[in-house]
PDB file of N, CA and C in Angstrom:
ATOM      1  N   MET A   1      48.563  53.846  53.515  1.00  0.00           N
ATOM      2  CA  MET A   1      48.509  52.697  54.417  1.00  0.00           C
ATOM      3  C   MET A   1      47.576  53.044  55.572  1.00  0.00           C
ATOM      4  N   ASN A   2      46.681  52.142  55.882  1.00  0.00           N
ATOM      5  CA  ASN A   2      45.762  52.395  56.988  1.00  0.00           C
ATOM      6  C   ASN A   2      45.989  51.406  58.124  1.00  0.00           C
ATOM      7  N   GLU A   3      45.371  51.697  59.239  1.00  0.00           N
ATOM      8  CA  GLU A   3      45.552  50.866  60.441  1.00  0.00           C
ATOM      9  C   GLU A   3      45.044  49.446  60.234  1.00  0.00           C
ATOM     10  N   ALA A   4      44.005  49.275  59.426  1.00  0.00           N
ATOM     11  CA  ALA A   4      43.474  47.931  59.175  1.00  0.00           C
ATOM     12  C   ALA A   4      44.516  47.060  58.472  1.00  0.00           C
ATOM     13  N   SER A   5      45.282  47.649  57.576  1.00  0.00           N
ATOM     14  CA  SER A   5      46.325  46.901  56.871  1.00  0.00           C
ATOM     15  C   SER A   5      47.432  46.480  57.827  1.00  0.00           C
ATOM     16  N   ILE A   6      47.782  47.363  58.737  1.00  0.00           N
ATOM     17  CA  ILE A   6      48.813  47.035  59.727  1.00  0.00           C
ATOM     18  C   ILE A   6      48.305  45.943  60.661  1.00  0.00           C
ATOM     19  N   GLU A   7      47.062  46.052  61.078  1.00  0.00           N
ATOM     20  CA  GLU A   7      46.477  45.030  61.945  1.00  0.00           C
ATOM     21  C   GLU A   7      46.434  43.679  61.227  1.00  0.00           C
ATOM     22  N   GLN A   8      46.122  43.691  59.926  1.00  0.00           N
ATOM     23  CA  GLN A   8      46.112  42.451  59.157  1.00  0.00           C
ATOM     24  C   GLN A   8      47.507  41.815  59.134  1.00  0.00           C
ATOM     25  N   LEU A   9      48.546  42.631  58.995  1.00  0.00           N
ATOM     26  CA  LEU A   9      49.915  42.115  59.038  1.00  0.00           C
ATOM     27  C   LEU A   9      50.182  41.438  60.378  1.00  0.00           C
ATOM     28  N   PHE A  10      49.806  42.075  61.472  1.00  0.00           N
ATOM     29  CA  PHE A  10      49.993  41.480  62.794  1.00  0.00           C
ATOM     30  C   PHE A  10      49.240  40.159  62.908  1.00  0.00           C
ATOM     31  N   GLU A  11      48.018  40.106  62.376  1.00  0.00           N
ATOM     32  CA  GLU A  11      47.224  38.876  62.418  1.00  0.00           C
ATOM     33  C   GLU A  11      47.899  37.767  61.609  1.00  0.00           C
ATOM     34  N   LEU A  12      48.478  38.119  60.459  1.00  0.00           N
ATOM     35  CA  LEU A  12      49.199  37.132  59.656  1.00  0.00           C
ATOM     36  C   LEU A  12      50.396  36.577  60.432  1.00  0.00           C
ATOM     37  N   ILE A  13      51.111  37.448  61.115  1.00  0.00           N
ATOM     38  CA  ILE A  13      52.276  37.016  61.895  1.00  0.00           C
ATOM     39  C   ILE A  13      51.843  36.070  63.011  1.00  0.00           C
ATOM     40  N   VAL A  14      50.786  36.413  63.699  1.00  0.00           N
ATOM     41  CA  VAL A  14      50.300  35.572  64.795  1.00  0.00           C
ATOM     42  C   VAL A  14      49.788  34.223  64.273  1.00  0.00           C
ATOM     43  N   ALA A  15      49.335  34.177  63.037  1.00  0.00           N
ATOM     44  CA  ALA A  15      48.804  32.940  62.464  1.00  0.00           C
ATOM     45  C   ALA A  15      49.895  31.949  62.047  1.00  0.00           C
ATOM     46  N   VAL A  16      51.150  32.378  62.053  1.00  0.00           N
ATOM     47  CA  VAL A  16      52.251  31.487  61.667  1.00  0.00           C
ATOM     48  C   VAL A  16      52.312  30.303  62.632  1.00  0.00           C
ATOM     49  N   LYS A  17      52.397  29.080  62.060  1.00  0.00           N
ATOM     50  CA  LYS A  17      52.323  27.869  62.884  1.00  0.00           C
ATOM     51  C   LYS A  17      53.671  27.344  63.348  1.00  0.00           C
ATOM     52  N   ASP A  18      54.717  27.506  62.527  1.00  0.00           N
ATOM     53  CA  ASP A  18      56.008  26.936  62.891  1.00  0.00           C
ATOM     54  C   ASP A  18      57.130  27.682  62.168  1.00  0.00           C
ATOM     55  N   LEU A  19      58.350  27.273  62.452  1.00  0.00           N
ATOM     56  CA  LEU A  19      59.524  27.941  61.898  1.00  0.00           C
ATOM     57  C   LEU A  19      59.537  27.901  60.372  1.00  0.00           C
ATOM     58  N   GLU A  20      59.191  26.761  59.804  1.00  0.00           N
ATOM     59  CA  GLU A  20      59.173  26.618  58.343  1.00  0.00           C
ATOM     60  C   GLU A  20      58.160  27.565  57.710  1.00  0.00           C
ATOM     61  N   GLU A  21      56.975  27.660  58.292  1.00  0.00           N
ATOM     62  CA  GLU A  21      55.946  28.553  57.779  1.00  0.00           C
ATOM     63  C   GLU A  21      56.363  30.014  57.945  1.00  0.00           C
ATOM     64  N   CYS A  22      57.009  30.322  59.052  1.00  0.00           N
ATOM     65  CA  CYS A  22      57.505  31.674  59.300  1.00  0.00           C
ATOM     66  C   CYS A  22      58.539  32.054  58.249  1.00  0.00           C
ATOM     67  N   GLN A  23      59.455  31.150  57.977  1.00  0.00           N
ATOM     68  CA  GLN A  23      60.491  31.407  56.974  1.00  0.00           C
ATOM     69  C   GLN A  23      59.861  31.642  55.603  1.00  0.00           C
ATOM     70  N   ALA A  24      58.907  30.808  55.219  1.00  0.00           N
ATOM     71  CA  ALA A  24      58.250  30.965  53.920  1.00  0.00           C
ATOM     72  C   ALA A  24      57.519  32.302  53.838  1.00  0.00           C
ATOM     73  N   PHE A  25      56.806  32.655  54.904  1.00  0.00           N
ATOM     74  CA  PHE A  25      56.060  33.915  54.933  1.00  0.00           C
ATOM     75  C   PHE A  25      56.995  35.111  54.794  1.00  0.00           C
ATOM     76  N   LEU A  26      58.027  35.151  55.626  1.00  0.00           N
ATOM     77  CA  LEU A  26      58.930  36.306  55.600  1.00  0.00           C
ATOM     78  C   LEU A  26      59.733  36.385  54.312  1.00  0.00           C
ATOM     79  N   GLU A  27      60.126  35.246  53.753  1.00  0.00           N
ATOM     80  CA  GLU A  27      60.861  35.271  52.489  1.00  0.00           C
ATOM     81  C   GLU A  27      59.974  35.728  51.338  1.00  0.00           C
ATOM     82  N   ASP A  28      58.671  35.431  51.403  1.00  0.00           N
ATOM     83  CA  ASP A  28      57.738  35.930  50.390  1.00  0.00           C
ATOM     84  C   ASP A  28      57.472  37.423  50.554  1.00  0.00           C
ATOM     85  N   LEU A  29      57.434  37.877  51.790  1.00  0.00           N
ATOM     86  CA  LEU A  29      57.052  39.259  52.089  1.00  0.00           C
ATOM     87  C   LEU A  29      58.207  40.244  51.982  1.00  0.00           C
ATOM     88  N   CYS A  30      59.390  39.835  52.389  1.00  0.00           N
ATOM     89  CA  CYS A  30      60.529  40.745  52.520  1.00  0.00           C
ATOM     90  C   CYS A  30      61.620  40.430  51.497  1.00  0.00           C
ATOM     91  N   THR A  31      62.418  41.446  51.207  1.00  0.00           N
ATOM     92  CA  THR A  31      63.609  41.216  50.405  1.00  0.00           C
ATOM     93  C   THR A  31      64.676  40.585  51.298  1.00  0.00           C
ATOM     94  N   TYR A  32      65.692  40.013  50.676  1.00  0.00           N
ATOM     95  CA  TYR A  32      66.790  39.423  51.446  1.00  0.00           C
ATOM     96  C   TYR A  32      67.462  40.494  52.309  1.00  0.00           C
ATOM     97  N   LYS A  33      67.626  41.686  51.760  1.00  0.00           N
ATOM     98  CA  LYS A  33      68.249  42.798  52.503  1.00  0.00           C
ATOM     99  C   LYS A  33      67.409  43.171  53.729  1.00  0.00           C
ATOM    100  N   GLU A  34      66.089  43.190  53.578  1.00  0.00           N
ATOM    101  CA  GLU A  34      65.216  43.491  54.717  1.00  0.00           C
ATOM    102  C   GLU A  34      65.339  42.429  55.805  1.00  0.00           C
ATOM    103  N   LEU A  35      65.409  41.166  55.394  1.00  0.00           N
ATOM    104  CA  LEU A  35      65.589  40.085  56.366  1.00  0.00           C
ATOM    105  C   LEU A  35      66.929  40.209  57.074  1.00  0.00           C
ATOM    106  N   GLN A  36      67.979  40.550  56.323  1.00  0.00           N
ATOM    107  CA  GLN A  36      69.295  40.745  56.934  1.00  0.00           C
ATOM    108  C   GLN A  36      69.250  41.874  57.955  1.00  0.00           C
ATOM    109  N   SER A  37      68.595  42.965  57.615  1.00  0.00           N
ATOM    110  CA  SER A  37      68.501  44.110  58.531  1.00  0.00           C
ATOM    111  C   SER A  37      67.759  43.742  59.812  1.00  0.00           C
ATOM    112  N   MET A  38      66.652  43.019  59.671  1.00  0.00           N
ATOM    113  CA  MET A  38      65.899  42.609  60.860  1.00  0.00           C
ATOM    114  C   MET A  38      66.710  41.649  61.717  1.00  0.00           C
ATOM    115  N   ALA A  39      67.393  40.709  61.065  1.00  0.00           N
ATOM    116  CA  ALA A  39      68.223  39.748  61.806  1.00  0.00           C
ATOM    117  C   ALA A  39      69.357  40.469  62.536  1.00  0.00           C
ATOM    118  N   GLN A  40      69.951  41.451  61.868  1.00  0.00           N
ATOM    119  CA  GLN A  40      71.031  42.220  62.487  1.00  0.00           C
ATOM    120  C   GLN A  40      70.515  42.963  63.720  1.00  0.00           C
ATOM    121  N   ARG A  41      69.356  43.570  63.623  1.00  0.00           N
ATOM    122  CA  ARG A  41      68.792  44.301  64.762  1.00  0.00           C
ATOM    123  C   ARG A  41      68.485  43.359  65.929  1.00  0.00           C
ATOM    124  N   CYS A  42      68.004  42.168  65.627  1.00  0.00           N
ATOM    125  CA  CYS A  42      67.760  41.187  66.689  1.00  0.00           C
ATOM    126  C   CYS A  42      69.066  40.788  67.361  1.00  0.00           C
ATOM    127  N   GLU A  43      70.109  40.588  66.567  1.00  0.00           N
ATOM    128  CA  GLU A  43      71.417  40.229  67.130  1.00  0.00           C
ATOM    129  C   GLU A  43      71.965  41.375  67.983  1.00  0.00           C
ATOM    130  N   VAL A  44      71.802  42.597  67.508  1.00  0.00           N
ATOM    131  CA  VAL A  44      72.238  43.767  68.275  1.00  0.00           C
ATOM    132  C   VAL A  44      71.492  43.813  69.607  1.00  0.00           C
ATOM    133  N   ALA A  45      70.189  43.593  69.578  1.00  0.00           N
ATOM    134  CA  ALA A  45      69.398  43.602  70.815  1.00  0.00           C
ATOM    135  C   ALA A  45      69.892  42.539  71.784  1.00  0.00           C
ATOM    136  N   LYS A  46      70.134  41.350  71.273  1.00  0.00           N
ATOM    137  CA  LYS A  46      70.639  40.258  72.117  1.00  0.00           C
ATOM    138  C   LYS A  46      71.957  40.647  72.777  1.00  0.00           C
ATOM    139  N   LEU A  47      72.866  41.209  72.001  1.00  0.00           N
ATOM    140  CA  LEU A  47      74.178  41.584  72.531  1.00  0.00           C
ATOM    141  C   LEU A  47      74.071  42.739  73.528  1.00  0.00           C
ATOM    142  N   LEU A  48      73.195  43.701  73.262  1.00  0.00           N
ATOM    143  CA  LEU A  48      72.974  44.792  74.223  1.00  0.00           C
ATOM    144  C   LEU A  48      72.440  44.239  75.540  1.00  0.00           C
ATOM    145  N   LEU A  49      71.498  43.302  75.449  1.00  0.00           N
ATOM    146  CA  LEU A  49      70.936  42.710  76.664  1.00  0.00           C
ATOM    147  C   LEU A  49      71.976  41.899  77.431  1.00  0.00           C
ATOM    148  N   GLU A  50      72.983  41.408  76.719  1.00  0.00           N
ATOM    149  CA  GLU A  50      74.088  40.696  77.369  1.00  0.00           C
ATOM    150  C   GLU A  50      75.104  41.653  77.996  1.00  0.00           C
ATOM    151  N   GLY A  51      74.924  42.961  77.749  1.00  0.00           N
ATOM    152  CA  GLY A  51      75.828  43.952  78.320  1.00  0.00           C
ATOM    153  C   GLY A  51      77.054  44.253  77.479  1.00  0.00           C
ATOM    154  N   ARG A  52      77.035  43.864  76.228  1.00  0.00           N
ATOM    155  CA  ARG A  52      78.178  44.104  75.354  1.00  0.00           C
ATOM    156  C   ARG A  52      78.280  45.587  75.008  1.00  0.00           C
ATOM    157  N   THR A  53      79.471  46.053  74.707  1.00  0.00           N
ATOM    158  CA  THR A  53      79.702  47.459  74.367  1.00  0.00           C
ATOM    159  C   THR A  53      79.379  47.716  72.897  1.00  0.00           C
ATOM    160  N   TYR A  54      79.209  49.004  72.579  1.00  0.00           N
ATOM    161  CA  TYR A  54      78.959  49.389  71.191  1.00  0.00           C
ATOM    162  C   TYR A  54      80.084  48.895  70.289  1.00  0.00           C
ATOM    163  N   LEU A  55      81.330  49.042  70.734  1.00  0.00           N
ATOM    164  CA  LEU A  55      82.467  48.625  69.907  1.00  0.00           C
ATOM    165  C   LEU A  55      82.447  47.123  69.651  1.00  0.00           C
ATOM    166  N   GLU A  56      82.141  46.350  70.664  1.00  0.00           N
ATOM    167  CA  GLU A  56      82.056  44.902  70.491  1.00  0.00           C
ATOM    168  C   GLU A  56      80.935  44.530  69.520  1.00  0.00           C
ATOM    169  N   ILE A  57      79.793  45.175  69.687  1.00  0.00           N
ATOM    170  CA  ILE A  57      78.634  44.882  68.843  1.00  0.00           C
ATOM    171  C   ILE A  57      78.910  45.283  67.398  1.00  0.00           C
ATOM    172  N   GLU A  58      79.515  46.452  67.226  1.00  0.00           N
ATOM    173  CA  GLU A  58      79.851  46.924  65.883  1.00  0.00           C
ATOM    174  C   GLU A  58      80.812  45.949  65.199  1.00  0.00           C
ATOM    175  N   ALA A  59      81.824  45.483  65.926  1.00  0.00           N
ATOM    176  CA  ALA A  59      82.805  44.550  65.365  1.00  0.00           C
ATOM    177  C   ALA A  59      82.173  43.200  65.034  1.00  0.00           C
ATOM    178  N   GLU A  60      81.288  42.729  65.897  1.00  0.00           N
ATOM    179  CA  GLU A  60      80.704  41.406  65.716  1.00  0.00           C
ATOM    180  C   GLU A  60      79.605  41.365  64.657  1.00  0.00           C
ATOM    181  N   THR A  61      78.810  42.437  64.575  1.00  0.00           N
ATOM    182  CA  THR A  61      77.637  42.410  63.690  1.00  0.00           C
ATOM    183  C   THR A  61      77.777  43.267  62.439  1.00  0.00           C
ATOM    184  N   GLY A  62      78.703  44.219  62.465  1.00  0.00           N
ATOM    185  CA  GLY A  62      78.808  45.156  61.353  1.00  0.00           C
ATOM    186  C   GLY A  62      77.771  46.261  61.409  1.00  0.00           C
ATOM    187  N   ALA A  63      76.987  46.303  62.471  1.00  0.00           N
ATOM    188  CA  ALA A  63      75.958  47.335  62.627  1.00  0.00           C
ATOM    189  C   ALA A  63      76.608  48.678  62.922  1.00  0.00           C
ATOM    190  N   SER A  64      76.045  49.724  62.373  1.00  0.00           N
ATOM    191  CA  SER A  64      76.544  51.070  62.655  1.00  0.00           C
ATOM    192  C   SER A  64      76.159  51.471  64.072  1.00  0.00           C
ATOM    193  N   THR A  65      76.849  52.470  64.590  1.00  0.00           N
ATOM    194  CA  THR A  65      76.497  52.955  65.930  1.00  0.00           C
ATOM    195  C   THR A  65      75.087  53.556  65.929  1.00  0.00           C
ATOM    196  N   ALA A  66      74.651  54.073  64.794  1.00  0.00           N
ATOM    197  CA  ALA A  66      73.282  54.616  64.700  1.00  0.00           C
ATOM    198  C   ALA A  66      72.255  53.499  64.891  1.00  0.00           C
ATOM    199  N   ILE A  67      72.483  52.359  64.264  1.00  0.00           N
ATOM    200  CA  ILE A  67      71.569  51.224  64.426  1.00  0.00           C
ATOM    201  C   ILE A  67      71.618  50.712  65.862  1.00  0.00           C
ATOM    202  N   ILE A  68      72.805  50.604  66.412  1.00  0.00           N
ATOM    203  CA  ILE A  68      72.946  50.124  67.796  1.00  0.00           C
ATOM    204  C   ILE A  68      72.203  51.072  68.747  1.00  0.00           C
ATOM    205  N   SER A  69      72.346  52.371  68.537  1.00  0.00           N
ATOM    206  CA  SER A  69      71.651  53.354  69.373  1.00  0.00           C
ATOM    207  C   SER A  69      70.136  53.230  69.240  1.00  0.00           C
ATOM    208  N   ARG A  70      69.674  53.037  68.010  1.00  0.00           N
ATOM    209  CA  ARG A  70      68.231  52.914  67.780  1.00  0.00           C
ATOM    210  C   ARG A  70      67.689  51.687  68.501  1.00  0.00           C
ATOM    211  N   VAL A  71      68.394  50.570  68.387  1.00  0.00           N
ATOM    212  CA  VAL A  71      67.953  49.346  69.057  1.00  0.00           C
ATOM    213  C   VAL A  71      67.988  49.538  70.571  1.00  0.00           C
ATOM    214  N   LYS A  72      69.016  50.190  71.071  1.00  0.00           N
ATOM    215  CA  LYS A  72      69.108  50.438  72.515  1.00  0.00           C
ATOM    216  C   LYS A  72      67.934  51.289  72.996  1.00  0.00           C
ATOM    217  N   ARG A  73      67.566  52.318  72.204  1.00  0.00           N
ATOM    218  CA  ARG A  73      66.404  53.153  72.541  1.00  0.00           C
ATOM    219  C   ARG A  73      65.136  52.314  72.596  1.00  0.00           C
ATOM    220  N   CYS A  74      64.982  51.412  71.627  1.00  0.00           N
ATOM    221  CA  CYS A  74      63.807  50.543  71.614  1.00  0.00           C
ATOM    222  C   CYS A  74      63.777  49.632  72.835  1.00  0.00           C
ATOM    223  N   LEU A  75      64.929  49.122  73.225  1.00  0.00           N
ATOM    224  CA  LEU A  75      64.990  48.271  74.415  1.00  0.00           C
ATOM    225  C   LEU A  75      64.646  49.063  75.675  1.00  0.00           C
ATOM    226  N   SER A  76      65.100  50.320  75.721  1.00  0.00           N
ATOM    227  CA  SER A  76      64.889  51.144  76.912  1.00  0.00           C
ATOM    228  C   SER A  76      63.501  51.765  76.975  1.00  0.00           C
ATOM    229  N   HIS A  77      62.978  52.176  75.816  1.00  0.00           N
ATOM    230  CA  HIS A  77      61.742  52.966  75.809  1.00  0.00           C
ATOM    231  C   HIS A  77      60.650  52.385  74.927  1.00  0.00           C
ATOM    232  N   GLY A  78      60.865  51.198  74.394  1.00  0.00           N
ATOM    233  CA  GLY A  78      59.872  50.583  73.513  1.00  0.00           C
ATOM    234  C   GLY A  78      58.821  49.816  74.300  1.00  0.00           C
ATOM    235  N   ASN A  79      58.182  48.896  73.620  1.00  0.00           N
ATOM    236  CA  ASN A  79      57.097  48.116  74.214  1.00  0.00           C
ATOM    237  C   ASN A  79      57.548  46.813  74.854  1.00  0.00           C
ATOM    238  N   GLY A  80      58.841  46.521  74.799  1.00  0.00           N
ATOM    239  CA  GLY A  80      59.363  45.307  75.410  1.00  0.00           C
ATOM    240  C   GLY A  80      59.230  44.064  74.556  1.00  0.00           C
ATOM    241  N   GLY A  81      58.818  44.227  73.305  1.00  0.00           N
ATOM    242  CA  GLY A  81      58.589  43.074  72.441  1.00  0.00           C
ATOM    243  C   GLY A  81      59.824  42.261  72.151  1.00  0.00           C
ATOM    244  N   ILE A  82      60.899  42.915  71.771  1.00  0.00           N
ATOM    245  CA  ILE A  82      62.102  42.169  71.390  1.00  0.00           C
ATOM    246  C   ILE A  82      62.720  41.460  72.585  1.00  0.00           C
ATOM    247  N   SER A  83      62.787  42.130  73.727  1.00  0.00           N
ATOM    248  CA  SER A  83      63.384  41.474  74.901  1.00  0.00           C
ATOM    249  C   SER A  83      62.517  40.308  75.379  1.00  0.00           C
ATOM    250  N   THR A  84      61.211  40.447  75.309  1.00  0.00           N
ATOM    251  CA  THR A  84      60.300  39.355  75.687  1.00  0.00           C
ATOM    252  C   THR A  84      60.531  38.127  74.814  1.00  0.00           C
ATOM    253  N   LEU A  85      60.624  38.348  73.503  1.00  0.00           N
ATOM    254  CA  LEU A  85      60.803  37.220  72.589  1.00  0.00           C
ATOM    255  C   LEU A  85      62.196  36.614  72.699  1.00  0.00           C
ATOM    256  N   LEU A  86      63.210  37.452  72.883  1.00  0.00           N
ATOM    257  CA  LEU A  86      64.563  36.914  73.077  1.00  0.00           C
ATOM    258  C   LEU A  86      64.621  36.052  74.343  1.00  0.00           C
ATOM    259  N   GLU A  87      63.972  36.503  75.394  1.00  0.00           N
ATOM    260  CA  GLU A  87      63.915  35.707  76.633  1.00  0.00           C
ATOM    261  C   GLU A  87      63.159  34.404  76.396  1.00  0.00           C
ATOM    262  N   ARG A  88      62.085  34.476  75.630  1.00  0.00           N
ATOM    263  CA  ARG A  88      61.261  33.303  75.385  1.00  0.00           C
ATOM    264  C   ARG A  88      62.032  32.199  74.675  1.00  0.00           C
ATOM    265  N   ILE A  89      62.924  32.572  73.783  1.00  0.00           N
ATOM    266  CA  ILE A  89      63.684  31.534  73.075  1.00  0.00           C
ATOM    267  C   ILE A  89      65.077  31.348  73.680  1.00  0.00           C
ATOM    268  N   ASN A  90      65.260  31.880  74.875  1.00  0.00           N
ATOM    269  CA  ASN A  90      66.496  31.690  75.642  1.00  0.00           C
ATOM    270  C   ASN A  90      67.754  32.178  74.934  1.00  0.00           C
ATOM    271  N   MET A  91      67.660  33.340  74.274  1.00  0.00           N
ATOM    272  CA  MET A  91      68.827  33.891  73.594  1.00  0.00           C
ATOM    273  C   MET A  91      69.622  34.792  74.525  1.00  0.00           C
ATOM    274  N   LYS A  92      69.077  35.143  75.656  1.00  0.00           N
ATOM    275  CA  LYS A  92      69.762  36.061  76.570  1.00  0.00           C
ATOM    276  C   LYS A  92      70.829  35.376  77.346  1.00  0.00           C
TER     277      LYS A  92
END
């Protein structure tokens, strides 16, 4: 895998016009399990940003503490992408 391929993926994502097109693109690209995992991580991020505890998040989402920790690390030390988008769609 090279950087040009990754950049092309980002360009494809940015080219998505609406929710329906996004759904079609991601369902073609990803397995159902991959979509579930991404959705779970987004939900974990939302709940962490709301100040929920690991136990609450684990009970509500079924996410392992390892996943919750990874998402928390991304929120604390990542690029701010997930929190920016969650704020943009008013999920916080």
